[in-house]
């Protein structure tokens, strides 16, 4: 079985203007997801640990970490559970 490095696949897909446009449109979602997972990892916690701290189920944490339809209140609770401080910032878009 031959494996294809992720970078090769990503570079091939990003060469397609339509794919790149759609991928770039998800940048904010990806940024939020990465920040949440980074906070949990930095705290040395599993999804189950965070779930216990928040009083929810592990599958709920998985849904929260998907970044879809997450309320500000939930983000505050997640930050508290991971020993993090939640900050929200608006940056000027390029272009």
C-alpha atoms as a PDB file:
ATOM      1  CA  UNK A   1       0.000   0.000   0.000  1.00  0.00           C
ATOM      2  CA  UNK A   2       1.391   3.369  -1.020  1.00  0.00           C
ATOM      3  CA  UNK A   3       0.865   6.347   1.246  1.00  0.00           C
ATOM      4  CA  UNK A   4       0.581   9.845  -0.096  1.00  0.00           C
ATOM      5  CA  UNK A   5       1.950  12.608   2.144  1.00  0.00           C
ATOM      6  CA  UNK A   6      -0.702  15.044   3.372  1.00  0.00           C
ATOM      7  CA  UNK A   7       1.251  18.014   1.988  1.00  0.00           C
ATOM      8  CA  UNK A   8       1.134  16.569  -1.512  1.00  0.00           C
ATOM      9  CA  UNK A   9      -2.617  16.116  -1.347  1.00  0.00           C
ATOM     10  CA  UNK A  10      -3.155  19.551   0.203  1.00  0.00           C
ATOM     11  CA  UNK A  11      -0.971  21.262  -2.403  1.00  0.00           C
ATOM     12  CA  UNK A  12      -2.776  19.479  -5.251  1.00  0.00           C
ATOM     13  CA  UNK A  13      -6.187  20.449  -3.879  1.00  0.00           C
ATOM     14  CA  UNK A  14      -5.180  24.045  -3.119  1.00  0.00           C
ATOM     15  CA  UNK A  15      -4.146  24.460  -6.770  1.00  0.00           C
ATOM     16  CA  UNK A  16      -7.861  24.263  -7.641  1.00  0.00           C
ATOM     17  CA  UNK A  17      -9.208  27.859  -7.293  1.00  0.00           C
ATOM     18  CA  UNK A  18     -12.705  26.703  -6.311  1.00  0.00           C
ATOM     19  CA  UNK A  19     -11.376  24.370  -3.604  1.00  0.00           C
ATOM     20  CA  UNK A  20      -9.054  27.093  -2.294  1.00  0.00           C
ATOM     21  CA  UNK A  21     -11.899  29.618  -2.147  1.00  0.00           C
ATOM     22  CA  UNK A  22     -14.082  27.195  -0.154  1.00  0.00           C
ATOM     23  CA  UNK A  23     -11.171  26.205   2.110  1.00  0.00           C
ATOM     24  CA  UNK A  24     -10.310  29.839   2.813  1.00  0.00           C
ATOM     25  CA  UNK A  25     -13.956  30.535   3.678  1.00  0.00           C
ATOM     26  CA  UNK A  26     -13.590  28.063   6.569  1.00  0.00           C
ATOM     27  CA  UNK A  27     -10.501  29.775   8.008  1.00  0.00           C
ATOM     28  CA  UNK A  28     -12.361  31.261  10.989  1.00  0.00           C
ATOM     29  CA  UNK A  29     -13.892  27.889  11.887  1.00  0.00           C
ATOM     30  CA  UNK A  30     -10.507  26.166  11.647  1.00  0.00           C
ATOM     31  CA  UNK A  31      -8.911  28.864  13.774  1.00  0.00           C
ATOM     32  CA  UNK A  32     -11.473  28.408  16.547  1.00  0.00           C
ATOM     33  CA  UNK A  33     -11.169  24.616  16.496  1.00  0.00           C
ATOM     34  CA  UNK A  34      -7.362  24.770  16.603  1.00  0.00           C
ATOM     35  CA  UNK A  35      -7.451  27.228  19.509  1.00  0.00           C
ATOM     36  CA  UNK A  36      -9.800  25.017  21.554  1.00  0.00           C
ATOM     37  CA  UNK A  37      -7.782  21.859  20.984  1.00  0.00           C
ATOM     38  CA  UNK A  38      -4.537  23.727  21.696  1.00  0.00           C
ATOM     39  CA  UNK A  39      -5.990  24.956  25.032  1.00  0.00           C
ATOM     40  CA  UNK A  40      -7.051  21.423  25.990  1.00  0.00           C
ATOM     41  CA  UNK A  41      -3.683  19.957  24.998  1.00  0.00           C
ATOM     42  CA  UNK A  42      -1.806  22.706  26.850  1.00  0.00           C
ATOM     43  CA  UNK A  43      -3.813  21.821  29.970  1.00  0.00           C
ATOM     44  CA  UNK A  44      -2.955  18.134  29.491  1.00  0.00           C
ATOM     45  CA  UNK A  45      -6.641  17.202  29.380  1.00  0.00           C
ATOM     46  CA  UNK A  46      -8.648  14.715  27.368  1.00  0.00           C
ATOM     47  CA  UNK A  47     -12.100  15.413  25.987  1.00  0.00           C
ATOM     48  CA  UNK A  48     -13.438  13.286  28.856  1.00  0.00           C
ATOM     49  CA  UNK A  49     -11.605  15.457  31.402  1.00  0.00           C
ATOM     50  CA  UNK A  50     -13.054  18.635  29.915  1.00  0.00           C
ATOM     51  CA  UNK A  51     -16.505  17.042  29.770  1.00  0.00           C
ATOM     52  CA  UNK A  52     -16.357  16.243  33.490  1.00  0.00           C
ATOM     53  CA  UNK A  53     -15.257  19.773  34.311  1.00  0.00           C
ATOM     54  CA  UNK A  54     -18.099  21.223  32.247  1.00  0.00           C
ATOM     55  CA  UNK A  55     -20.713  18.714  33.407  1.00  0.00           C
ATOM     56  CA  UNK A  56     -21.419  17.444  29.895  1.00  0.00           C
ATOM     57  CA  UNK A  57     -20.712  14.258  27.942  1.00  0.00           C
ATOM     58  CA  UNK A  58     -17.533  13.535  25.986  1.00  0.00           C
ATOM     59  CA  UNK A  59     -19.499  13.430  22.696  1.00  0.00           C
ATOM     60  CA  UNK A  60     -20.727  16.952  23.515  1.00  0.00           C
ATOM     61  CA  UNK A  61     -17.102  18.103  23.822  1.00  0.00           C
ATOM     62  CA  UNK A  62     -16.357  16.522  20.448  1.00  0.00           C
ATOM     63  CA  UNK A  63     -19.253  18.535  18.972  1.00  0.00           C
ATOM     64  CA  UNK A  64     -18.027  21.709  20.696  1.00  0.00           C
ATOM     65  CA  UNK A  65     -14.547  21.098  19.284  1.00  0.00           C
ATOM     66  CA  UNK A  66     -16.047  20.856  15.806  1.00  0.00           C
ATOM     67  CA  UNK A  67     -16.637  24.609  16.156  1.00  0.00           C
ATOM     68  CA  UNK A  68     -20.157  24.568  14.752  1.00  0.00           C
ATOM     69  CA  UNK A  69     -22.872  26.574  16.505  1.00  0.00           C
ATOM     70  CA  UNK A  70     -20.894  27.132  19.702  1.00  0.00           C
ATOM     71  CA  UNK A  71     -22.236  29.872  21.943  1.00  0.00           C
ATOM     72  CA  UNK A  72     -20.082  32.430  23.678  1.00  0.00           C
ATOM     73  CA  UNK A  73     -21.244  31.014  27.019  1.00  0.00           C
ATOM     74  CA  UNK A  74     -20.069  27.533  26.007  1.00  0.00           C
ATOM     75  CA  UNK A  75     -16.707  28.944  24.932  1.00  0.00           C
ATOM     76  CA  UNK A  76     -16.381  30.652  28.335  1.00  0.00           C
ATOM     77  CA  UNK A  77     -17.131  27.375  30.121  1.00  0.00           C
ATOM     78  CA  UNK A  78     -14.665  25.506  27.888  1.00  0.00           C
ATOM     79  CA  UNK A  79     -11.973  28.110  28.611  1.00  0.00           C
ATOM     80  CA  UNK A  80     -12.593  27.813  32.342  1.00  0.00           C
ATOM     81  CA  UNK A  81     -12.471  23.991  32.173  1.00  0.00           C
ATOM     82  CA  UNK A  82      -9.110  24.123  30.380  1.00  0.00           C
ATOM     83  CA  UNK A  83      -7.632  26.765  32.671  1.00  0.00           C
ATOM     84  CA  UNK A  84      -7.611  29.261  29.834  1.00  0.00           C
ATOM     85  CA  UNK A  85      -8.738  32.837  29.402  1.00  0.00           C
ATOM     86  CA  UNK A  86     -11.130  33.405  26.509  1.00  0.00           C
ATOM     87  CA  UNK A  87     -10.337  36.385  24.330  1.00  0.00           C
ATOM     88  CA  UNK A  88     -12.145  37.451  21.197  1.00  0.00           C
ATOM     89  CA  UNK A  89     -10.488  39.657  18.639  1.00  0.00           C
ATOM     90  CA  UNK A  90     -11.479  41.100  15.296  1.00  0.00           C
ATOM     91  CA  UNK A  91      -8.669  41.469  12.785  1.00  0.00           C
ATOM     92  CA  UNK A  92      -8.815  43.463   9.611  1.00  0.00           C
ATOM     93  CA  UNK A  93      -9.099  41.208   6.565  1.00  0.00           C
ATOM     94  CA  UNK A  94      -6.416  41.341   3.931  1.00  0.00           C
ATOM     95  CA  UNK A  95      -7.712  42.265   0.526  1.00  0.00           C
END
